[in-house]
Amino acid sequence: MKGKLVSTRNQQQRSISTTTAAARLSEVVSRYTLGLKQAYELKHGQEMDAATHSYPRTARLYLEWCLAEDQLPGWFSLETYWQPLSKYRQSALKKFMKWYERQAITRLLPDSIRDKAPAAYNRLALLYLSERSSLRGRRSRDTYTTALNQLFLYLDEQGFTFGLLGVKSFIDDMLHGTLLNSKGKPYATFTINSYLCAARDLARWILEKEGYIDGHQLGEEELKAVEGIEKVKVLPTGKQFYKDALSLEQREHLMAIIKDPEHAAMIALMVFLGLRTIEVTRLHAEDLNFRSLSLQVQRKGKHTKQQLKLFTNAVPYLQQYLAESGISRGPVFPGLNTRRVRYITTRYLELAGYKSSKVSAHSLRHTAAQIMLEKGFLPSQVQHQLGHSEYETTLYYTRKKEQELFFRDREVSV
């Protein structure tokens, strides 16, 4: 089941493709100016007036400041930039930022940031990625695309078809260092497992379609080979903790330095309740029940919602934000995406002095889990709050705290 190389990227993927940051900046401003002109002429039936002509210049000055200060364009940096500006300039920048988000421009600076989603290597992978609704987040889709690209490139080079024999050979070569990553180093066990998960889900998708793919029916032997992939087990990682967590005192300090009500509410959902970044972006005002101290959350990769505890220390942050924003229905954070959640969280972690390679936005979930355990919650309750279908996953979050509690009391007898 080999496919021909797909050389074209998804045309809906928008990115700035020029070679320098300055050129990309000019391209962004030009696109924004053109959009303003078209919208103004459509609404008023005449050319853009002099006042509106100043909008692109205001946007350009802001983007130039981002380049000079090594800041990413976004609401967080905008709040810092516009403090001394007039209300008129601030209004113009709000209009620009809303346009900027709608364009999904994910790369302006620095040049090292990777923004383009990898193109699917062959038609089989392309069909799977376009139809697989469980791959909701962009990062998940990009990860699976990269994994399948590496797999099919290997299968083509080695003369395999997509089946158990080819996938096992692919995994073995990565595991034993025969196949190296882009840096010339052996693949980490965690990466190998993510590639294997992508292959297994592709096999599952083929079997769900009973082997009828793109007008072609697989033979009985081909289906058996695909069926075998599902049974390949992931490798033991040997890792205990992927991310560090904040202590109770560090959590209190982090929340104390956040003055923006929206940012405080967003981070409270993660650090107190253990929500994922994608779950924060999906939250609706109707999901919050302050009377019963509960909330409904649409989990990652799920279509239904699950009821969680709304801990009382998160309530003031949520109520203040909802009262000041006037939001009573619909999305709690309109226009919010996971990239912005991670960006804002990282900035506050840096401001608090906690940011490191092992402390990120995802660490806030670990923080919620470990503090729950420290306060006497059962591991099964932590599992439910975090939304883990497998208890083993919860152990990655709680094992460090369990060890700390175990060795805290030295004088014990059994």
Protein backbone atom coordinates (compact mmCIF):
# COMPACT_ATOMS: atom_id res chain seq x y z
CA MET A 1 0.00 0.00 0.00
CA LYS A 2 2.57 2.53 -1.09
CA GLY A 3 1.53 6.01 -2.13
CA LYS A 4 2.97 8.61 -4.47
CA LEU A 5 4.71 11.60 -2.99
CA VAL A 6 2.35 14.48 -2.34
CA SER A 7 4.35 17.61 -3.13
CA THR A 8 1.74 20.28 -2.42
CA ARG A 9 0.92 21.57 1.05
CA ASN A 10 -2.60 22.26 2.23
CA GLN A 11 -3.58 25.52 0.60
CA GLN A 12 -5.57 26.56 3.66
CA GLN A 13 -2.37 26.60 5.74
CA ARG A 14 -1.38 30.26 5.81
CA SER A 15 2.16 31.27 6.61
CA ILE A 16 4.62 34.02 5.91
CA SER A 17 7.08 32.54 3.44
CA THR A 18 9.60 35.32 2.73
CA THR A 19 13.21 34.96 3.76
CA THR A 20 13.71 37.68 6.39
CA ALA A 21 11.71 38.90 9.35
CA ALA A 22 11.63 42.43 7.91
CA ALA A 23 10.25 41.18 4.61
CA ARG A 24 7.65 39.10 6.40
CA LEU A 25 6.67 42.17 8.42
CA SER A 26 6.11 44.16 5.23
CA GLU A 27 4.07 41.36 3.74
CA VAL A 28 1.84 41.20 6.82
CA VAL A 29 1.24 44.97 6.74
CA SER A 30 0.52 44.88 3.00
CA ARG A 31 -2.05 42.12 3.46
CA TYR A 32 -3.62 44.03 6.33
CA THR A 33 -3.80 47.25 4.28
CA LEU A 34 -5.43 45.45 1.38
CA GLY A 35 -7.96 43.85 3.72
CA LEU A 36 -8.80 47.24 5.25
CA LYS A 37 -9.33 48.81 1.83
CA GLN A 38 -11.57 46.02 0.62
CA ALA A 39 -13.67 46.03 3.80
CA TYR A 40 -14.02 49.84 3.80
CA GLU A 41 -15.01 50.04 0.13
CA LEU A 42 -17.50 47.22 0.56
CA LYS A 43 -19.11 48.92 3.55
CA HIS A 44 -19.02 52.58 2.43
CA GLY A 45 -18.85 52.35 -1.35
CA GLN A 46 -15.82 54.66 -1.52
CA GLU A 47 -12.07 54.64 -0.99
CA MET A 48 -10.61 54.38 2.50
CA ASP A 49 -10.56 57.68 4.40
CA ALA A 50 -7.49 59.39 5.84
CA ALA A 51 -8.17 58.23 9.41
CA THR A 52 -8.32 54.57 8.45
CA HIS A 53 -5.13 55.01 6.39
CA SER A 54 -3.21 55.42 9.67
CA TYR A 55 -4.16 51.91 10.86
CA PRO A 56 -1.48 50.08 8.82
CA ARG A 57 1.21 52.48 10.05
CA THR A 58 0.15 51.84 13.65
CA ALA A 59 0.33 48.10 13.03
CA ARG A 60 3.76 48.43 11.39
CA LEU A 61 5.17 50.37 14.36
CA TYR A 62 3.93 47.67 16.72
CA LEU A 63 5.45 44.84 14.63
CA GLU A 64 8.75 46.73 14.36
CA TRP A 65 8.75 47.05 18.14
CA CYS A 66 8.18 43.28 18.40
CA LEU A 67 11.22 42.68 16.20
CA ALA A 68 13.39 45.10 18.16
CA GLU A 69 12.34 43.71 21.55
CA ASP A 70 12.33 40.06 20.45
CA GLN A 71 8.62 39.77 21.32
CA LEU A 72 6.03 37.57 19.65
CA PRO A 73 3.05 39.50 18.20
CA GLY A 74 0.04 38.77 20.37
CA TRP A 75 -2.24 40.15 23.03
CA PHE A 76 0.35 39.65 25.76
CA SER A 77 3.06 41.77 24.10
CA LEU A 78 0.41 44.22 22.89
CA GLU A 79 -0.61 45.00 26.47
CA THR A 80 2.98 45.97 27.22
CA TYR A 81 3.42 48.01 24.03
CA TRP A 82 0.27 50.11 24.11
CA GLN A 83 0.39 51.39 27.70
CA PRO A 84 1.59 54.92 26.75
CA LEU A 85 -0.56 55.13 23.60
CA SER A 86 -3.78 57.07 23.08
CA LYS A 87 -7.16 55.33 23.14
CA TYR A 88 -7.36 55.83 19.37
CA ARG A 89 -4.04 54.00 18.79
CA GLN A 90 -5.07 51.24 21.17
CA SER A 91 -8.35 50.80 19.29
CA ALA A 92 -6.45 50.60 16.00
CA LEU A 93 -4.13 47.94 17.44
CA LYS A 94 -7.09 45.92 18.74
CA LYS A 95 -8.53 45.89 15.24
CA PHE A 96 -5.19 44.76 13.81
CA MET A 97 -4.72 41.99 16.40
CA LYS A 98 -8.18 40.57 15.71
CA TRP A 99 -7.33 40.49 11.98
CA TYR A 100 -3.92 38.98 12.74
CA GLU A 101 -5.48 36.12 14.71
CA ARG A 102 -8.05 35.41 11.98
CA GLN A 103 -5.25 35.08 9.43
CA ALA A 104 -3.61 32.35 11.56
CA ILE A 105 -0.19 33.87 10.88
CA THR A 106 2.02 31.72 13.04
CA ARG A 107 5.44 32.98 12.07
CA LEU A 108 6.93 36.43 12.18
CA LEU A 109 9.83 36.17 14.62
CA PRO A 110 12.18 34.81 15.59
CA ASP A 111 13.21 32.99 12.43
CA SER A 112 13.92 29.78 14.33
CA ILE A 113 10.24 29.17 15.13
CA ARG A 114 8.82 26.36 13.00
CA ASP A 115 5.37 27.22 11.73
CA LYS A 116 4.60 25.06 8.73
CA ALA A 117 2.74 21.85 9.22
CA PRO A 118 4.50 18.99 7.41
CA ALA A 119 2.85 17.85 4.19
CA ALA A 120 1.44 14.33 4.13
CA TYR A 121 3.91 12.01 2.40
CA ASN A 122 1.38 9.95 0.45
CA ARG A 123 -2.30 9.77 -0.34
CA LEU A 124 -3.05 7.14 2.30
CA ALA A 125 -1.70 9.39 5.06
CA LEU A 126 -3.47 12.39 3.54
CA LEU A 127 -6.85 10.63 3.54
CA TYR A 128 -6.36 9.41 7.09
CA LEU A 129 -5.39 12.86 8.40
CA SER A 130 -8.28 14.55 6.63
CA GLU A 131 -10.88 12.10 7.95
CA ARG A 132 -9.61 11.34 11.47
CA SER A 133 -11.78 13.60 13.63
CA SER A 134 -10.09 12.49 16.85
CA LEU A 135 -6.98 14.49 15.86
CA ARG A 136 -8.46 17.77 17.04
CA GLY A 137 -5.46 19.87 18.00
CA ARG A 138 -3.01 21.21 15.44
CA ARG A 139 -0.06 19.89 17.43
CA SER A 140 -1.51 16.36 17.50
CA ARG A 141 -2.14 16.47 13.77
CA ASP A 142 1.38 17.76 13.06
CA THR A 143 2.91 15.08 15.29
CA TYR A 144 1.01 12.29 13.53
CA THR A 145 1.85 13.74 10.11
CA THR A 146 5.57 13.82 10.93
CA ALA A 147 5.42 10.27 12.31
CA LEU A 148 3.65 8.86 9.26
CA ASN A 149 5.96 10.73 6.88
CA GLN A 150 8.99 9.12 8.54
CA LEU A 151 7.31 5.72 8.48
CA PHE A 152 6.28 5.77 4.81
CA LEU A 153 9.63 7.19 3.71
CA TYR A 154 11.30 4.27 5.49
CA LEU A 155 8.87 1.71 4.02
CA ASP A 156 9.47 3.00 0.49
CA GLU A 157 13.25 3.00 0.90
CA GLN A 158 13.25 -0.52 2.37
CA GLY A 159 10.71 -1.93 -0.07
CA PHE A 160 8.02 -2.66 2.53
CA THR A 161 4.28 -2.12 2.30
CA PHE A 162 2.23 -0.80 5.22
CA GLY A 163 1.91 -3.87 7.40
CA LEU A 164 3.17 -5.57 10.54
CA LEU A 165 6.55 -6.59 9.10
CA GLY A 166 7.40 -3.09 7.85
CA VAL A 167 6.29 -1.31 11.01
CA LYS A 168 8.21 -3.69 13.29
CA SER A 169 11.34 -3.23 11.15
CA PHE A 170 10.88 0.56 11.38
CA ILE A 171 10.55 0.43 15.18
CA ASP A 172 13.51 -1.96 15.56
CA ASP A 173 15.81 0.21 13.43
CA MET A 174 14.94 3.28 15.51
CA LEU A 175 15.32 1.38 18.76
CA HIS A 176 18.76 -0.04 17.90
CA GLY A 177 20.15 3.19 16.43
CA THR A 178 20.23 2.02 12.82
CA LEU A 179 17.80 4.82 11.99
CA LEU A 180 18.82 8.22 13.38
CA ASN A 181 16.88 11.44 13.82
CA SER A 182 17.53 14.74 12.01
CA LYS A 183 20.30 15.59 14.51
CA GLY A 184 22.12 12.34 13.82
CA LYS A 185 21.20 10.91 17.22
CA PRO A 186 19.19 7.81 18.20
CA TYR A 187 15.46 8.32 18.65
CA ALA A 188 14.18 8.70 22.20
CA THR A 189 11.85 5.96 23.43
CA PHE A 190 9.08 8.53 23.86
CA THR A 191 9.40 9.56 20.18
CA ILE A 192 9.42 5.93 19.02
CA ASN A 193 6.21 5.33 20.96
CA SER A 194 4.53 8.39 19.42
CA TYR A 195 5.44 7.11 15.94
CA LEU A 196 4.09 3.68 16.83
CA CYS A 197 0.85 5.20 18.13
CA ALA A 198 0.38 7.01 14.81
CA ALA A 199 0.94 3.77 12.88
CA ARG A 200 -1.48 1.86 15.12
CA ASP A 201 -4.19 4.49 14.74
CA LEU A 202 -3.75 4.50 10.97
CA ALA A 203 -4.16 0.69 11.01
CA ARG A 204 -7.26 1.04 13.18
CA TRP A 205 -8.73 3.56 10.73
CA ILE A 206 -8.10 1.20 7.79
CA LEU A 207 -9.79 -1.67 9.62
CA GLU A 208 -12.76 0.52 10.54
CA LYS A 209 -13.21 1.13 6.82
CA GLU A 210 -12.90 -2.64 6.26
CA GLY A 211 -9.96 -2.09 3.95
CA TYR A 212 -11.89 -0.06 1.39
CA ILE A 213 -9.66 2.97 0.84
CA ASP A 214 -10.06 5.56 -1.91
CA GLY A 215 -11.94 3.20 -4.23
CA HIS A 216 -9.52 0.33 -3.64
CA GLN A 217 -10.33 -2.82 -1.64
CA LEU A 218 -7.43 -4.42 0.23
CA GLY A 219 -6.93 -8.15 -0.12
CA GLU A 220 -7.24 -10.61 2.74
CA GLU A 221 -3.45 -10.89 3.23
CA GLU A 222 -3.04 -7.10 3.24
CA LEU A 223 -5.76 -6.74 5.87
CA LYS A 224 -4.12 -9.37 8.06
CA ALA A 225 -0.81 -7.50 7.83
CA VAL A 226 -2.52 -4.25 8.83
CA GLU A 227 -4.42 -5.99 11.62
CA GLY A 228 -1.16 -7.12 13.17
CA ILE A 229 0.01 -3.51 13.65
CA GLU A 230 -2.70 -2.88 16.23
CA LYS A 231 -1.21 -5.58 18.46
CA VAL A 232 2.29 -4.09 18.61
CA LYS A 233 2.88 -2.85 22.17
CA VAL A 234 4.52 0.44 23.02
CA LEU A 235 7.97 0.34 24.57
CA PRO A 236 8.50 0.91 28.30
CA THR A 237 9.85 4.43 28.62
CA GLY A 238 11.76 3.99 31.85
CA LYS A 239 10.90 7.60 32.69
CA GLN A 240 9.23 8.59 35.90
CA PHE A 241 8.53 12.28 35.50
CA TYR A 242 8.22 14.30 32.31
CA LYS A 243 7.56 17.69 33.90
CA ASP A 244 8.23 19.26 37.25
CA ALA A 245 5.44 20.72 39.34
CA LEU A 246 5.23 23.89 41.40
CA SER A 247 5.00 23.72 45.15
CA LEU A 248 1.99 25.10 47.01
CA GLU A 249 3.95 28.26 47.86
CA GLN A 250 5.13 28.68 44.26
CA ARG A 251 1.56 28.30 43.01
CA GLU A 252 0.39 31.06 45.35
CA HIS A 253 3.25 33.31 44.22
CA LEU A 254 2.47 32.68 40.55
CA MET A 255 -1.19 33.63 40.98
CA ALA A 256 -0.26 36.71 43.03
CA ILE A 257 1.76 38.29 40.21
CA ILE A 258 -1.01 37.92 37.60
CA LYS A 259 -2.98 41.17 37.48
CA ASP A 260 -4.95 40.60 34.27
CA PRO A 261 -8.31 38.94 35.21
CA GLU A 262 -8.51 36.95 31.96
CA HIS A 263 -5.00 35.55 32.36
CA ALA A 264 -5.61 34.78 36.04
CA ALA A 265 -8.81 32.87 35.24
CA MET A 266 -7.12 30.96 32.42
CA ILE A 267 -4.14 29.90 34.53
CA ALA A 268 -6.36 29.11 37.54
CA LEU A 269 -8.19 26.51 35.46
CA MET A 270 -4.91 24.72 34.82
CA VAL A 271 -3.04 25.13 38.10
CA PHE A 272 -6.02 24.52 40.44
CA LEU A 273 -8.27 22.24 38.38
CA GLY A 274 -5.70 20.49 36.16
CA LEU A 275 -7.25 21.36 32.79
CA ARG A 276 -5.27 20.92 29.58
CA THR A 277 -4.65 23.96 27.37
CA ILE A 278 -7.12 22.67 24.73
CA GLU A 279 -9.75 22.16 27.43
CA VAL A 280 -9.35 25.76 28.59
CA THR A 281 -10.01 27.04 25.07
CA ARG A 282 -13.17 24.89 24.74
CA LEU A 283 -14.74 25.99 28.02
CA HIS A 284 -18.14 27.75 27.84
CA ALA A 285 -19.78 29.91 30.49
CA GLU A 286 -22.67 27.46 30.63
CA ASP A 287 -20.20 24.73 31.69
CA LEU A 288 -19.51 26.47 35.00
CA ASN A 289 -21.80 25.82 37.98
CA PHE A 290 -20.71 27.92 40.94
CA ARG A 291 -23.63 26.71 43.05
CA SER A 292 -22.68 23.03 42.89
CA LEU A 293 -18.97 23.82 42.51
CA SER A 294 -18.62 21.74 39.36
CA LEU A 295 -17.86 22.25 35.69
CA GLN A 296 -18.33 20.33 32.45
CA VAL A 297 -15.20 19.84 30.34
CA GLN A 298 -14.84 18.56 26.79
CA ARG A 299 -11.81 16.35 27.09
CA LYS A 300 -8.97 16.07 24.59
CA GLY A 301 -10.06 13.90 21.65
CA LYS A 302 -13.59 13.49 23.07
CA HIS A 303 -16.98 14.61 21.78
CA THR A 304 -18.79 14.45 25.13
CA LYS A 305 -18.25 16.43 28.33
CA GLN A 306 -17.16 15.18 31.75
CA GLN A 307 -18.10 16.67 35.10
CA LEU A 308 -15.22 17.85 37.31
CA LYS A 309 -14.82 19.42 40.72
CA LEU A 310 -14.61 23.21 40.73
CA PHE A 311 -12.27 23.83 43.64
CA THR A 312 -13.06 26.90 45.70
CA ASN A 313 -9.62 28.53 45.27
CA ALA A 314 -10.28 28.85 41.52
CA VAL A 315 -13.73 30.41 41.94
CA PRO A 316 -12.72 34.07 42.71
CA TYR A 317 -10.53 34.27 39.61
CA LEU A 318 -13.28 32.94 37.34
CA GLN A 319 -16.03 35.09 38.87
CA GLN A 320 -13.97 38.28 38.67
CA TYR A 321 -13.11 37.70 35.03
CA LEU A 322 -16.69 36.81 34.02
CA ALA A 323 -18.06 39.87 35.86
CA GLU A 324 -15.58 42.28 34.29
CA SER A 325 -15.85 40.81 30.79
CA GLY A 326 -19.66 40.56 30.87
CA ILE A 327 -19.49 37.01 29.51
CA SER A 328 -22.50 34.93 30.55
CA ARG A 329 -22.93 32.63 27.55
CA GLY A 330 -20.69 31.10 24.92
CA PRO A 331 -16.90 30.68 25.08
CA VAL A 332 -15.31 31.83 28.31
CA PHE A 333 -12.23 32.96 26.35
CA PRO A 334 -13.36 34.05 22.86
CA GLY A 335 -10.68 33.66 20.21
CA LEU A 336 -8.27 31.89 22.56
CA ASN A 337 -6.08 29.12 21.15
CA THR A 338 -3.62 26.72 22.75
CA ARG A 339 -0.60 28.54 21.32
CA ARG A 340 -1.63 31.73 23.10
CA VAL A 341 -2.34 29.84 26.34
CA ARG A 342 1.19 28.39 26.32
CA TYR A 343 2.71 31.74 25.40
CA ILE A 344 0.96 33.66 28.19
CA THR A 345 1.69 30.95 30.77
CA THR A 346 5.37 30.87 29.80
CA ARG A 347 5.64 34.63 30.24
CA TYR A 348 4.25 34.47 33.77
CA LEU A 349 6.44 31.50 34.67
CA GLU A 350 9.45 33.51 33.48
CA LEU A 351 8.28 36.54 35.45
CA ALA A 352 7.95 34.39 38.58
CA GLY A 353 11.39 32.87 38.00
CA TYR A 354 10.10 29.30 37.61
CA LYS A 355 10.56 28.67 33.87
CA SER A 356 12.96 25.90 32.93
CA SER A 357 13.17 23.00 30.50
CA LYS A 358 11.05 20.95 32.92
CA VAL A 359 8.55 23.67 33.81
CA SER A 360 6.02 24.75 31.19
CA ALA A 361 2.28 25.30 30.78
CA HIS A 362 1.78 21.54 31.07
CA SER A 363 3.51 21.65 34.48
CA LEU A 364 0.42 23.37 35.85
CA ARG A 365 -1.50 20.08 35.41
CA HIS A 366 1.25 18.29 37.31
CA THR A 367 1.00 20.96 39.99
CA ALA A 368 -2.75 20.42 40.40
CA ALA A 369 -2.28 16.64 40.54
CA GLN A 370 0.54 16.63 43.06
CA ILE A 371 -1.07 19.16 45.39
CA MET A 372 -4.32 17.16 45.28
CA LEU A 373 -2.36 14.09 46.34
CA GLU A 374 -0.58 16.03 49.08
CA LYS A 375 -3.94 17.20 50.44
CA GLY A 376 -5.20 13.65 50.76
CA PHE A 377 -7.11 13.00 47.52
CA LEU A 378 -7.10 9.40 46.33
CA PRO A 379 -5.10 8.62 43.16
CA SER A 380 -8.37 7.51 41.49
CA GLN A 381 -9.84 10.96 42.23
CA VAL A 382 -6.78 12.63 40.74
CA GLN A 383 -7.18 10.40 37.67
CA HIS A 384 -10.80 11.54 37.25
CA GLN A 385 -9.97 15.23 37.69
CA LEU A 386 -7.19 15.05 35.10
CA GLY A 387 -9.30 13.02 32.68
CA HIS A 388 -6.90 10.12 32.20
CA SER A 389 -8.48 7.00 30.73
CA GLU A 390 -5.49 4.93 31.93
CA TYR A 391 -4.35 4.95 35.55
CA GLU A 392 -0.75 4.43 34.38
CA THR A 393 -0.83 7.91 32.85
CA THR A 394 -1.82 9.43 36.18
CA LEU A 395 1.18 7.74 37.80
CA TYR A 396 3.52 9.90 35.72
CA TYR A 397 1.92 12.92 37.42
CA THR A 398 1.74 11.60 40.98
CA ARG A 399 4.75 9.31 41.43
CA LYS A 400 7.15 12.10 42.33
CA LYS A 401 4.86 13.40 45.08
CA GLU A 402 4.22 9.87 46.34
CA GLN A 403 7.97 9.39 46.78
CA GLU A 404 8.33 12.73 48.54
CA LEU A 405 5.55 11.82 50.98
CA PHE A 406 7.01 8.37 51.52
CA PHE A 407 10.44 9.68 52.55
CA ARG A 408 9.14 12.69 54.49
CA ASP A 409 8.53 10.71 57.70
CA ARG A 410 11.82 9.02 58.48
CA GLU A 411 10.99 7.37 61.78
CA VAL A 412 8.39 4.77 60.88
CA SER A 413 7.90 1.08 61.55
CA VAL A 414 5.97 -1.60 59.69
